[in-house]
Amino acid sequence: MSPMPLEAGIGSPPLLRPVDEEEAARLSPWPFRLAGREAWQPSAKRSGSARAEYDSGWYADLLDAWQRFLEAAPPAPRHPGMAFRFFDALRRANNAAMQRHPEIYGDVSLDAYLVSAADQLYAADLNVFEAWWRNLLVERVAWAHEAAPFGTLAEIGCGSGVNLLTMYSRLPVNRIAGCDISPNAVDAVRRIASDLAIPAAMRVGDFLQPETLQALVPASGSWALLSVHALEQVARLGMEWFERVVALQPPPAIAVHCEPIQWGDGSPFAMSCARYAALNGYNQDLAAASRAAESAGLIRTIRTERRVLGHSAYNPTSILMWVPARSA
C-alpha cells in the first residue's frame, strides 16, 4: 500500500501547493529560526513539570470530551469505528483553537499551513493533510501485518490512544496494548476501549524501562511494537534500547517506528530537520542506534522511508521497520 501521489488534489485547491522559501517564512517562523535569522530558545520549563501540566490539562479533559461525544451520538449500538469519528472531531477542534490563540501559535492559517512531503515544502489544508498523514500510518502498519502477522498491536508512548483505537477498527488485530507516563492518558484509553468493547491492556510507565516493555507482551500469540513520534522525545536512545526489546519474552514479531529520524544523509532539507530536532531536544540517534543493533546481529531492517510527510514541516515522519534477527 502507498499514499496518494504527492500533488493529488482533494477538492479545490490542491492538497499540496509548493511554496518557496520566502512564502514558507510567511507561513511559519521556523525557516528564519533554522537559518539563524530569528533568535529562538525552547521553553525553560523542565520536562517533568511540562509532562505534569499536559497530564492534568489536555489528557484530563479527554475523558470529558469523550463523554460529551457519547451523549451527542445517535442512539445506536456502539462500535470501534466511533473512535475514529471522535478523534477526527477532536483534532479539528484543537486545530481551530490554534487560531484563537495567536499569542501562542502566531497567525495560523488552517487553509495554508506549512507542511512537508518528500523533502519539499508545501502549503496545505491542515485538517486534510493530517487525515492523510494518519492514513499513512494505518497503511504502513497494515503492510507490517502482511509481512509478519500479529494479533496484538502494542504502542509505546500511546498518549490519547488515537493510533491504537483507530487502527483497531481498520486492521485485522484482536487486541491492543499500550503504555504512557501520563496516568490520565492511560485512564482515557482504558475508558474509551471499554466503552467500545475493544480488548485493551494499558499501563502507566516509561517505555525505556524493561518492566514497562514486558507488560506490553501478550500472554499468548504474536505481537507488534509501534511507536509514533514517541522515541523522538528521547534525545539519545542508544543500541541498548533495542537490546531490551529483543530480549522480551517473546520479542515482537515486527517493530514499526513512525518517527522523525535523522538519517545523516546531508541533504539541505535533512540538515534543516536535524537542526530543528537539536533545537527542540528531540532524538538524534534512532537511525544510528538501529544500524548498530543490526550490525550486532540483534535486528534486521526490512523497510525504511525517509521524511515521508510532515504536518510539522521540519519534523517529518520517517518509517523504520525491523524484525528480531533470530526470528528473521
C-alpha atoms as a PDB file:
ATOM      1  CA  MET A   1       0.000   0.000   0.000  1.00  0.00           C
ATOM      2  CA  SER A   2       1.169   3.564  -0.642  1.00  0.00           C
ATOM      3  CA  PRO A   3      -0.230   7.059  -0.168  1.00  0.00           C
ATOM      4  CA  MET A   4      -1.756   9.052  -2.995  1.00  0.00           C
ATOM      5  CA  PRO A   5       0.613  10.909  -5.370  1.00  0.00           C
ATOM      6  CA  LEU A   6       2.137  13.863  -3.581  1.00  0.00           C
ATOM      7  CA  GLU A   7       0.277  16.532  -5.521  1.00  0.00           C
ATOM      8  CA  ALA A   8      -3.014  14.704  -5.964  1.00  0.00           C
ATOM      9  CA  GLY A   9      -5.915  17.011  -5.289  1.00  0.00           C
ATOM     10  CA  ILE A  10      -8.681  16.588  -2.760  1.00  0.00           C
ATOM     11  CA  GLY A  11     -11.313  19.121  -3.751  1.00  0.00           C
ATOM     12  CA  SER A  12     -10.048  22.580  -4.558  1.00  0.00           C
ATOM     13  CA  PRO A  13      -7.429  23.950  -4.033  1.00  0.00           C
ATOM     14  CA  PRO A  14      -4.998  21.005  -4.408  1.00  0.00           C
ATOM     15  CA  LEU A  15      -3.954  19.198  -1.247  1.00  0.00           C
ATOM     16  CA  LEU A  16      -0.354  20.356  -1.625  1.00  0.00           C
ATOM     17  CA  ARG A  17       0.761  23.671  -3.111  1.00  0.00           C
ATOM     18  CA  PRO A  18       4.548  24.071  -3.461  1.00  0.00           C
ATOM     19  CA  VAL A  19       5.991  27.124  -1.712  1.00  0.00           C
ATOM     20  CA  ASP A  20       9.379  28.815  -1.991  1.00  0.00           C
ATOM     21  CA  GLU A  21      11.494  29.904   0.986  1.00  0.00           C
ATOM     22  CA  GLU A  22      10.010  33.396   1.022  1.00  0.00           C
ATOM     23  CA  GLU A  23       6.438  32.166   1.264  1.00  0.00           C
ATOM     24  CA  ALA A  24       7.422  29.451   3.738  1.00  0.00           C
ATOM     25  CA  ALA A  25       8.767  32.175   6.038  1.00  0.00           C
ATOM     26  CA  ARG A  26       5.418  33.962   5.837  1.00  0.00           C
ATOM     27  CA  LEU A  27       3.567  30.803   6.805  1.00  0.00           C
ATOM     28  CA  SER A  28       5.834  29.815   9.707  1.00  0.00           C
ATOM     29  CA  PRO A  29       8.583  31.356  11.841  1.00  0.00           C
ATOM     30  CA  TRP A  30      10.705  28.207  11.514  1.00  0.00           C
ATOM     31  CA  PRO A  31      12.513  28.958   8.229  1.00  0.00           C
ATOM     32  CA  PHE A  32      14.031  32.093   9.787  1.00  0.00           C
ATOM     33  CA  ARG A  33      14.765  30.314  13.071  1.00  0.00           C
ATOM     34  CA  LEU A  34      16.596  27.488  11.329  1.00  0.00           C
ATOM     35  CA  ALA A  35      18.544  29.947   9.176  1.00  0.00           C
ATOM     36  CA  GLY A  36      19.637  31.838  12.292  1.00  0.00           C
ATOM     37  CA  ARG A  37      17.764  34.978  11.235  1.00  0.00           C
ATOM     38  CA  GLU A  38      15.407  34.858  14.215  1.00  0.00           C
ATOM     39  CA  ALA A  39      16.504  34.029  17.757  1.00  0.00           C
ATOM     40  CA  TRP A  40      14.574  31.266  19.463  1.00  0.00           C
ATOM     41  CA  GLN A  41      15.008  29.136  22.555  1.00  0.00           C
ATOM     42  CA  PRO A  42      12.763  26.317  23.760  1.00  0.00           C
ATOM     43  CA  SER A  43      10.787  26.848  26.936  1.00  0.00           C
ATOM     44  CA  ALA A  44      12.882  26.725  30.074  1.00  0.00           C
ATOM     45  CA  LYS A  45      10.156  24.676  31.733  1.00  0.00           C
ATOM     46  CA  ARG A  46      11.543  21.392  32.994  1.00  0.00           C
ATOM     47  CA  SER A  47      10.306  18.320  31.158  1.00  0.00           C
ATOM     48  CA  GLY A  48       8.804  16.879  34.346  1.00  0.00           C
ATOM     49  CA  SER A  49       6.651  19.926  35.019  1.00  0.00           C
ATOM     50  CA  ALA A  50       5.651  20.106  31.343  1.00  0.00           C
ATOM     51  CA  ARG A  51       4.519  16.470  31.455  1.00  0.00           C
ATOM     52  CA  ALA A  52       2.541  17.094  34.641  1.00  0.00           C
ATOM     53  CA  GLU A  53       0.848  20.101  33.076  1.00  0.00           C
ATOM     54  CA  TYR A  54      -0.095  18.073  29.998  1.00  0.00           C
ATOM     55  CA  ASP A  55      -1.387  15.219  32.150  1.00  0.00           C
ATOM     56  CA  SER A  56      -3.566  17.479  34.295  1.00  0.00           C
ATOM     57  CA  GLY A  57      -4.687  19.562  31.309  1.00  0.00           C
ATOM     58  CA  TRP A  58      -5.282  18.025  27.888  1.00  0.00           C
ATOM     59  CA  TYR A  59      -5.386  14.384  28.976  1.00  0.00           C
ATOM     60  CA  ALA A  60      -7.601  15.162  31.954  1.00  0.00           C
ATOM     61  CA  ASP A  61     -10.043  16.908  29.612  1.00  0.00           C
ATOM     62  CA  LEU A  62     -10.025  13.988  27.175  1.00  0.00           C
ATOM     63  CA  LEU A  63     -12.472  11.893  29.192  1.00  0.00           C
ATOM     64  CA  ASP A  64     -14.902  14.805  29.428  1.00  0.00           C
ATOM     65  CA  ALA A  65     -14.706  15.269  25.662  1.00  0.00           C
ATOM     66  CA  TRP A  66     -15.382  11.557  25.141  1.00  0.00           C
ATOM     67  CA  GLN A  67     -18.407  11.657  27.429  1.00  0.00           C
ATOM     68  CA  ARG A  68     -19.827  14.651  25.546  1.00  0.00           C
ATOM     69  CA  PHE A  69     -19.246  12.808  22.275  1.00  0.00           C
ATOM     70  CA  LEU A  70     -21.169   9.756  23.510  1.00  0.00           C
ATOM     71  CA  GLU A  71     -24.041  11.895  24.755  1.00  0.00           C
ATOM     72  CA  ALA A  72     -24.314  13.614  21.367  1.00  0.00           C
ATOM     73  CA  ALA A  73     -24.055  10.389  19.365  1.00  0.00           C
ATOM     74  CA  PRO A  74     -27.226   8.914  17.818  1.00  0.00           C
ATOM     75  CA  PRO A  75     -28.889   6.176  19.886  1.00  0.00           C
ATOM     76  CA  ALA A  76     -27.292   3.203  18.158  1.00  0.00           C
ATOM     77  CA  PRO A  77     -25.025   0.332  19.192  1.00  0.00           C
ATOM     78  CA  ARG A  78     -21.503   1.437  19.935  1.00  0.00           C
ATOM     79  CA  HIS A  79     -18.725   0.129  17.721  1.00  0.00           C
ATOM     80  CA  PRO A  80     -14.926   0.576  17.370  1.00  0.00           C
ATOM     81  CA  GLY A  81     -15.346   2.916  14.389  1.00  0.00           C
ATOM     82  CA  MET A  82     -16.692   5.555  16.770  1.00  0.00           C
ATOM     83  CA  ALA A  83     -13.140   6.129  17.996  1.00  0.00           C
ATOM     84  CA  PHE A  84     -12.120   7.335  14.547  1.00  0.00           C
ATOM     85  CA  ARG A  85     -15.005   9.830  14.409  1.00  0.00           C
ATOM     86  CA  PHE A  86     -14.263  11.069  17.927  1.00  0.00           C
ATOM     87  CA  PHE A  87     -10.578  11.724  17.351  1.00  0.00           C
ATOM     88  CA  ASP A  88     -11.203  13.313  13.962  1.00  0.00           C
ATOM     89  CA  ALA A  89     -13.637  15.786  15.517  1.00  0.00           C
ATOM     90  CA  LEU A  90     -11.254  16.413  18.412  1.00  0.00           C
ATOM     91  CA  ARG A  91      -8.339  17.051  16.049  1.00  0.00           C
ATOM     92  CA  ARG A  92     -10.327  19.590  14.060  1.00  0.00           C
ATOM     93  CA  ALA A  93     -11.424  21.357  17.245  1.00  0.00           C
ATOM     94  CA  ASN A  94      -7.845  21.518  18.526  1.00  0.00           C
ATOM     95  CA  ASN A  95      -6.631  22.920  15.210  1.00  0.00           C
ATOM     96  CA  ALA A  96      -9.343  25.577  15.272  1.00  0.00           C
ATOM     97  CA  ALA A  97      -8.275  26.516  18.796  1.00  0.00           C
ATOM     98  CA  MET A  98      -4.837  27.470  17.479  1.00  0.00           C
ATOM     99  CA  GLN A  99      -6.395  30.295  15.513  1.00  0.00           C
ATOM    100  CA  ARG A 100      -7.992  31.669  18.674  1.00  0.00           C
ATOM    101  CA  HIS A 101      -4.632  31.941  20.416  1.00  0.00           C
ATOM    102  CA  PRO A 102      -2.226  33.905  18.193  1.00  0.00           C
ATOM    103  CA  GLU A 103      -0.242  34.860  21.280  1.00  0.00           C
ATOM    104  CA  ILE A 104       0.836  31.207  21.488  1.00  0.00           C
ATOM    105  CA  TYR A 105       0.742  29.888  17.916  1.00  0.00           C
ATOM    106  CA  GLY A 106       1.157  33.035  15.835  1.00  0.00           C
ATOM    107  CA  ASP A 107      -1.066  33.859  12.876  1.00  0.00           C
ATOM    108  CA  VAL A 108      -2.083  30.353  11.837  1.00  0.00           C
ATOM    109  CA  SER A 109      -3.988  29.668   8.637  1.00  0.00           C
ATOM    110  CA  LEU A 110      -5.515  26.197   8.617  1.00  0.00           C
ATOM    111  CA  ASP A 111      -6.101  26.508   4.860  1.00  0.00           C
ATOM    112  CA  ALA A 112      -2.437  27.306   4.100  1.00  0.00           C
ATOM    113  CA  TYR A 113      -0.365  25.580   6.741  1.00  0.00           C
ATOM    114  CA  LEU A 114       3.325  24.885   6.188  1.00  0.00           C
ATOM    115  CA  VAL A 115       3.898  21.138   5.756  1.00  0.00           C
ATOM    116  CA  SER A 116       6.433  18.912   4.038  1.00  0.00           C
ATOM    117  CA  ALA A 117       6.353  15.834   1.829  1.00  0.00           C
ATOM    118  CA  ALA A 118       9.369  14.009   0.420  1.00  0.00           C
ATOM    119  CA  ASP A 119      11.782  16.840   1.360  1.00  0.00           C
ATOM    120  CA  GLN A 120       9.684  19.579  -0.229  1.00  0.00           C
ATOM    121  CA  LEU A 121       7.778  22.380   1.491  1.00  0.00           C
ATOM    122  CA  TYR A 122       4.100  22.930   0.728  1.00  0.00           C
ATOM    123  CA  ALA A 123       1.090  24.901   1.881  1.00  0.00           C
ATOM    124  CA  ALA A 124      -1.851  22.642   2.695  1.00  0.00           C
ATOM    125  CA  ASP A 125      -5.191  22.458   4.422  1.00  0.00           C
ATOM    126  CA  LEU A 126      -4.018  21.228   7.822  1.00  0.00           C
ATOM    127  CA  ASN A 127      -7.134  19.174   8.599  1.00  0.00           C
ATOM    128  CA  VAL A 128      -6.977  17.339   5.263  1.00  0.00           C
ATOM    129  CA  PHE A 129      -3.207  16.857   5.469  1.00  0.00           C
ATOM    130  CA  GLU A 130      -3.361  15.397   8.972  1.00  0.00           C
ATOM    131  CA  ALA A 131      -6.056  12.945   7.866  1.00  0.00           C
ATOM    132  CA  TRP A 132      -3.772  11.922   5.003  1.00  0.00           C
ATOM    133  CA  TRP A 133      -0.856  11.552   7.427  1.00  0.00           C
ATOM    134  CA  ARG A 134      -2.896   9.344   9.756  1.00  0.00           C
ATOM    135  CA  ASN A 135      -3.951   7.188   6.823  1.00  0.00           C
ATOM    136  CA  LEU A 136      -0.264   6.763   6.010  1.00  0.00           C
ATOM    137  CA  LEU A 137       0.276   5.321   9.500  1.00  0.00           C
ATOM    138  CA  VAL A 138      -2.567   2.847   9.073  1.00  0.00           C
ATOM    139  CA  GLU A 139      -1.270   1.760   5.661  1.00  0.00           C
ATOM    140  CA  ARG A 140       2.241   1.162   6.960  1.00  0.00           C
ATOM    141  CA  VAL A 141       1.032  -0.897   9.922  1.00  0.00           C
ATOM    142  CA  ALA A 142      -1.175  -2.872   7.521  1.00  0.00           C
ATOM    143  CA  TRP A 143       1.927  -3.571   5.421  1.00  0.00           C
ATOM    144  CA  ALA A 144       3.736  -4.726   8.565  1.00  0.00           C
ATOM    145  CA  HIS A 145       0.845  -7.074   9.398  1.00  0.00           C
ATOM    146  CA  GLU A 146       1.180  -8.690   5.981  1.00  0.00           C
ATOM    147  CA  ALA A 147       4.964  -9.012   6.389  1.00  0.00           C
ATOM    148  CA  ALA A 148       4.798 -10.515   9.905  1.00  0.00           C
ATOM    149  CA  PRO A 149       1.233 -11.287  11.057  1.00  0.00           C
ATOM    150  CA  PHE A 150       0.369 -10.373  14.640  1.00  0.00           C
ATOM    151  CA  GLY A 151      -2.688 -10.402  16.872  1.00  0.00           C
ATOM    152  CA  THR A 152      -1.761  -7.691  19.380  1.00  0.00           C
ATOM    153  CA  LEU A 153      -0.698  -4.175  18.443  1.00  0.00           C
ATOM    154  CA  ALA A 154       1.267  -2.539  21.267  1.00  0.00           C
ATOM    155  CA  GLU A 155       2.214   1.140  21.223  1.00  0.00           C
ATOM    156  CA  ILE A 156       4.805   2.839  23.409  1.00  0.00           C
ATOM    157  CA  GLY A 157       4.058   6.414  24.419  1.00  0.00           C
ATOM    158  CA  CYS A 158       0.467   5.910  23.266  1.00  0.00           C
ATOM    159  CA  GLY A 159      -0.849   9.231  24.591  1.00  0.00           C
ATOM    160  CA  SER A 160      -4.565   9.636  23.903  1.00  0.00           C
ATOM    161  CA  GLY A 161      -4.731   6.223  22.225  1.00  0.00           C
ATOM    162  CA  VAL A 162      -5.714   7.739  18.887  1.00  0.00           C
ATOM    163  CA  ASN A 163      -3.399   5.411  16.950  1.00  0.00           C
ATOM    164  CA  LEU A 164      -4.324   2.209  18.764  1.00  0.00           C
ATOM    165  CA  LEU A 165      -8.053   2.844  18.917  1.00  0.00           C
ATOM    166  CA  THR A 166      -8.452   3.903  15.292  1.00  0.00           C
ATOM    167  CA  MET A 167      -6.150   1.172  13.964  1.00  0.00           C
ATOM    168  CA  TYR A 168      -8.125  -1.484  15.833  1.00  0.00           C
ATOM    169  CA  SER A 169     -11.187  -0.555  13.761  1.00  0.00           C
ATOM    170  CA  ARG A 170      -9.272  -0.683  10.471  1.00  0.00           C
ATOM    171  CA  LEU A 171      -6.803  -3.565  10.836  1.00  0.00           C
ATOM    172  CA  PRO A 172      -7.144  -7.309  11.489  1.00  0.00           C
ATOM    173  CA  VAL A 173      -5.890  -7.235  15.079  1.00  0.00           C
ATOM    174  CA  ASN A 174      -7.731  -8.717  18.043  1.00  0.00           C
ATOM    175  CA  ARG A 175      -6.152  -6.797  20.920  1.00  0.00           C
ATOM    176  CA  ILE A 176      -4.338  -3.552  21.679  1.00  0.00           C
ATOM    177  CA  ALA A 177      -1.835  -2.698  24.396  1.00  0.00           C
ATOM    178  CA  GLY A 178      -0.045   0.493  25.278  1.00  0.00           C
ATOM    179  CA  CYS A 179       1.920   2.468  27.809  1.00  0.00           C
ATOM    180  CA  ASP A 180       2.323   6.123  28.647  1.00  0.00           C
ATOM    181  CA  ILE A 181       3.795   8.097  31.536  1.00  0.00           C
ATOM    182  CA  SER A 182       0.533  10.065  31.849  1.00  0.00           C
ATOM    183  CA  PRO A 183      -1.972   8.395  34.207  1.00  0.00           C
ATOM    184  CA  ASN A 184      -4.843  10.442  32.772  1.00  0.00           C
ATOM    185  CA  ALA A 185      -3.941   9.379  29.235  1.00  0.00           C
ATOM    186  CA  VAL A 186      -3.938   5.718  30.210  1.00  0.00           C
ATOM    187  CA  ASP A 187      -7.258   6.122  32.049  1.00  0.00           C
ATOM    188  CA  ALA A 188      -8.787   7.723  28.954  1.00  0.00           C
ATOM    189  CA  VAL A 189      -7.660   4.922  26.639  1.00  0.00           C
ATOM    190  CA  ARG A 190      -8.976   2.310  29.064  1.00  0.00           C
ATOM    191  CA  ARG A 191     -12.353   4.048  29.269  1.00  0.00           C
ATOM    192  CA  ILE A 192     -12.774   4.529  25.522  1.00  0.00           C
ATOM    193  CA  ALA A 193     -11.680   0.944  24.816  1.00  0.00           C
ATOM    194  CA  SER A 194     -14.090  -0.373  27.452  1.00  0.00           C
ATOM    195  CA  ASP A 195     -16.999   1.678  26.090  1.00  0.00           C
ATOM    196  CA  LEU A 196     -16.342   0.306  22.595  1.00  0.00           C
ATOM    197  CA  ALA A 197     -15.681  -3.290  23.715  1.00  0.00           C
ATOM    198  CA  ILE A 198     -12.101  -3.197  22.449  1.00  0.00           C
ATOM    199  CA  PRO A 199      -9.780  -5.675  24.247  1.00  0.00           C
ATOM    200  CA  ALA A 200      -7.023  -3.469  25.676  1.00  0.00           C
ATOM    201  CA  ALA A 201      -4.185  -3.773  28.187  1.00  0.00           C
ATOM    202  CA  MET A 202      -2.867  -0.353  29.220  1.00  0.00           C
ATOM    203  CA  ARG A 203      -0.093   0.511  31.649  1.00  0.00           C
ATOM    204  CA  VAL A 204       1.308   3.674  33.193  1.00  0.00           C
ATOM    205  CA  GLY A 205       5.053   3.533  32.727  1.00  0.00           C
ATOM    206  CA  ASP A 206       8.221   4.627  30.978  1.00  0.00           C
ATOM    207  CA  PHE A 207       8.939   2.740  27.756  1.00  0.00           C
ATOM    208  CA  LEU A 208      12.669   2.970  28.455  1.00  0.00           C
ATOM    209  CA  GLN A 209      12.200   0.568  31.385  1.00  0.00           C
ATOM    210  CA  PRO A 210      12.273  -3.218  30.773  1.00  0.00           C
ATOM    211  CA  GLU A 211       9.346  -3.915  33.112  1.00  0.00           C
ATOM    212  CA  THR A 212       7.098  -1.489  31.200  1.00  0.00           C
ATOM    213  CA  LEU A 213       8.039  -3.091  27.897  1.00  0.00           C
ATOM    214  CA  GLN A 214       7.458  -6.617  29.212  1.00  0.00           C
ATOM    215  CA  ALA A 215       3.980  -5.612  30.416  1.00  0.00           C
ATOM    216  CA  LEU A 216       3.011  -4.970  26.784  1.00  0.00           C
ATOM    217  CA  VAL A 217       3.702  -8.581  25.767  1.00  0.00           C
ATOM    218  CA  PRO A 218       0.525 -10.686  25.431  1.00  0.00           C
ATOM    219  CA  ALA A 219       0.205 -13.956  27.323  1.00  0.00           C
ATOM    220  CA  SER A 220      -0.123 -15.766  24.015  1.00  0.00           C
ATOM    221  CA  GLY A 221       0.089 -15.011  20.332  1.00  0.00           C
ATOM    222  CA  SER A 222       2.325 -12.770  18.270  1.00  0.00           C
ATOM    223  CA  TRP A 223       2.509  -9.018  18.673  1.00  0.00           C
ATOM    224  CA  ALA A 224       3.859  -5.907  17.015  1.00  0.00           C
ATOM    225  CA  LEU A 225       5.580  -2.908  18.599  1.00  0.00           C
ATOM    226  CA  LEU A 226       4.510   0.533  17.359  1.00  0.00           C
ATOM    227  CA  SER A 227       5.925   3.982  18.063  1.00  0.00           C
ATOM    228  CA  VAL A 228       4.551   7.228  16.617  1.00  0.00           C
ATOM    229  CA  HIS A 229       6.580  10.326  17.479  1.00  0.00           C
ATOM    230  CA  ALA A 230       7.345   8.806  20.888  1.00  0.00           C
ATOM    231  CA  LEU A 231      11.023   7.906  20.536  1.00  0.00           C
ATOM    232  CA  GLU A 232      11.573  11.479  19.320  1.00  0.00           C
ATOM    233  CA  GLN A 233      11.221  12.557  22.948  1.00  0.00           C
ATOM    234  CA  VAL A 234      14.402  10.671  23.898  1.00  0.00           C
ATOM    235  CA  ALA A 235      17.422  12.725  22.790  1.00  0.00           C
ATOM    236  CA  ARG A 236      19.766   9.726  22.811  1.00  0.00           C
ATOM    237  CA  LEU A 237      18.335   6.225  22.592  1.00  0.00           C
ATOM    238  CA  GLY A 238      21.365   4.012  22.062  1.00  0.00           C
ATOM    239  CA  MET A 239      21.566   0.398  20.940  1.00  0.00           C
ATOM    240  CA  GLU A 240      20.690  -0.675  24.491  1.00  0.00           C
ATOM    241  CA  TRP A 241      17.008   0.044  23.944  1.00  0.00           C
ATOM    242  CA  PHE A 242      16.934  -2.385  21.007  1.00  0.00           C
ATOM    243  CA  GLU A 243      18.638  -4.967  23.213  1.00  0.00           C
ATOM    244  CA  ARG A 244      15.848  -4.592  25.787  1.00  0.00           C
ATOM    245  CA  VAL A 245      13.118  -5.024  23.172  1.00  0.00           C
ATOM    246  CA  VAL A 246      14.713  -8.061  21.533  1.00  0.00           C
ATOM    247  CA  ALA A 247      15.191  -9.631  24.995  1.00  0.00           C
ATOM    248  CA  LEU A 248      11.444  -9.545  25.706  1.00  0.00           C
ATOM    249  CA  GLN A 249       9.729 -12.917  26.024  1.00  0.00           C
ATOM    250  CA  PRO A 250       8.599 -13.270  23.352  1.00  0.00           C
ATOM    251  CA  PRO A 251      10.011 -10.381  21.315  1.00  0.00           C
ATOM    252  CA  PRO A 252       7.748  -8.582  18.849  1.00  0.00           C
ATOM    253  CA  ALA A 253       7.152 -10.228  15.504  1.00  0.00           C
ATOM    254  CA  ILE A 254       7.845  -6.825  13.954  1.00  0.00           C
ATOM    255  CA  ALA A 255       8.517  -3.248  15.099  1.00  0.00           C
ATOM    256  CA  VAL A 256       7.157  -0.203  13.272  1.00  0.00           C
ATOM    257  CA  HIS A 257       8.625   3.203  14.067  1.00  0.00           C
ATOM    258  CA  CYS A 258       6.835   6.226  12.572  1.00  0.00           C
ATOM    259  CA  GLU A 259       9.261   8.826  13.840  1.00  0.00           C
ATOM    260  CA  PRO A 260      11.243  11.910  12.840  1.00  0.00           C
ATOM    261  CA  ILE A 261      14.568  10.196  12.098  1.00  0.00           C
ATOM    262  CA  GLN A 262      17.914  11.883  11.476  1.00  0.00           C
ATOM    263  CA  TRP A 263      19.384   9.675   8.777  1.00  0.00           C
ATOM    264  CA  GLY A 264      22.602  11.634   8.362  1.00  0.00           C
ATOM    265  CA  ASP A 265      22.216  11.867   4.584  1.00  0.00           C
ATOM    266  CA  GLY A 266      23.306  15.506   4.447  1.00  0.00           C
ATOM    267  CA  SER A 267      20.743  16.986   2.050  1.00  0.00           C
ATOM    268  CA  PRO A 268      19.836  20.637   2.744  1.00  0.00           C
ATOM    269  CA  PHE A 269      16.343  19.718   3.943  1.00  0.00           C
ATOM    270  CA  ALA A 270      17.709  16.865   6.080  1.00  0.00           C
ATOM    271  CA  MET A 271      20.126  19.302   7.708  1.00  0.00           C
ATOM    272  CA  SER A 272      17.259  21.695   8.479  1.00  0.00           C
ATOM    273  CA  CYS A 273      15.337  18.834  10.092  1.00  0.00           C
ATOM    274  CA  ALA A 274      18.385  17.865  12.153  1.00  0.00           C
ATOM    275  CA  ARG A 275      18.743  21.446  13.363  1.00  0.00           C
ATOM    276  CA  TYR A 276      15.054  21.540  14.269  1.00  0.00           C
ATOM    277  CA  ALA A 277      15.465  18.338  16.298  1.00  0.00           C
ATOM    278  CA  ALA A 278      18.563  19.696  18.045  1.00  0.00           C
ATOM    279  CA  LEU A 279      16.880  22.998  18.950  1.00  0.00           C
ATOM    280  CA  ASN A 280      13.893  21.152  20.424  1.00  0.00           C
ATOM    281  CA  GLY A 281      15.912  18.470  22.219  1.00  0.00           C
ATOM    282  CA  TYR A 282      14.446  15.696  20.062  1.00  0.00           C
ATOM    283  CA  ASN A 283      16.043  12.370  19.224  1.00  0.00           C
ATOM    284  CA  GLN A 284      19.303  12.426  17.280  1.00  0.00           C
ATOM    285  CA  ASP A 285      20.365   8.793  17.082  1.00  0.00           C
ATOM    286  CA  LEU A 286      17.499   6.437  16.202  1.00  0.00           C
ATOM    287  CA  ALA A 287      18.971   5.654  12.781  1.00  0.00           C
ATOM    288  CA  ALA A 288      22.478   5.196  14.196  1.00  0.00           C
ATOM    289  CA  ALA A 289      21.205   3.052  17.083  1.00  0.00           C
ATOM    290  CA  SER A 290      19.214   0.796  14.747  1.00  0.00           C
ATOM    291  CA  ARG A 291      22.251   0.380  12.474  1.00  0.00           C
ATOM    292  CA  ALA A 292      24.364  -0.571  15.477  1.00  0.00           C
ATOM    293  CA  ALA A 293      21.720  -3.083  16.589  1.00  0.00           C
ATOM    294  CA  GLU A 294      21.678  -4.587  13.110  1.00  0.00           C
ATOM    295  CA  SER A 295      25.481  -4.791  12.998  1.00  0.00           C
ATOM    296  CA  ALA A 296      25.389  -6.544  16.367  1.00  0.00           C
ATOM    297  CA  GLY A 297      23.039  -9.194  14.979  1.00  0.00           C
ATOM    298  CA  LEU A 298      20.050  -8.111  17.081  1.00  0.00           C
ATOM    299  CA  ILE A 299      17.640  -6.956  14.382  1.00  0.00           C
ATOM    300  CA  ARG A 300      17.110  -7.000  10.621  1.00  0.00           C
ATOM    301  CA  THR A 301      15.710  -3.871   8.978  1.00  0.00           C
ATOM    302  CA  ILE A 302      13.009  -4.709   6.425  1.00  0.00           C
ATOM    303  CA  ARG A 303      11.718  -1.279   5.376  1.00  0.00           C
ATOM    304  CA  THR A 304      12.758   2.370   5.593  1.00  0.00           C
ATOM    305  CA  GLU A 305      11.222   5.535   4.144  1.00  0.00           C
ATOM    306  CA  ARG A 306      12.817   8.905   4.704  1.00  0.00           C
ATOM    307  CA  ARG A 307      10.856  12.018   5.623  1.00  0.00           C
ATOM    308  CA  VAL A 308       7.568  10.945   4.050  1.00  0.00           C
ATOM    309  CA  LEU A 309       5.115  13.510   5.449  1.00  0.00           C
ATOM    310  CA  GLY A 310       5.429  16.289   7.991  1.00  0.00           C
ATOM    311  CA  HIS A 311       2.454  18.203   9.371  1.00  0.00           C
ATOM    312  CA  SER A 312       5.164  19.912  11.369  1.00  0.00           C
ATOM    313  CA  ALA A 313       7.196  20.783   8.290  1.00  0.00           C
ATOM    314  CA  TYR A 314      10.702  20.310   9.701  1.00  0.00           C
ATOM    315  CA  ASN A 315       9.780  17.355  11.900  1.00  0.00           C
ATOM    316  CA  PRO A 316       8.532  14.920   9.234  1.00  0.00           C
ATOM    317  CA  THR A 317       7.644  11.297   9.846  1.00  0.00           C
ATOM    318  CA  SER A 318      10.032   8.656   8.552  1.00  0.00           C
ATOM    319  CA  ILE A 319       9.346   4.922   8.613  1.00  0.00           C
ATOM    320  CA  LEU A 320      11.644   2.284  10.093  1.00  0.00           C
ATOM    321  CA  MET A 321      10.553  -1.362  10.348  1.00  0.00           C
ATOM    322  CA  TRP A 322      12.572  -4.242  11.715  1.00  0.00           C
ATOM    323  CA  VAL A 323      12.238  -7.820  12.924  1.00  0.00           C
ATOM    324  CA  PRO A 324      14.358  -9.636  15.522  1.00  0.00           C
ATOM    325  CA  ALA A 325      17.306 -11.213  13.746  1.00  0.00           C
ATOM    326  CA  ARG A 326      16.868 -14.590  15.370  1.00  0.00           C
ATOM    327  CA  SER A 327      13.312 -14.887  14.008  1.00  0.00           C
ATOM    328  CA  ALA A 328      14.072 -13.402  10.592  1.00  0.00           C
END
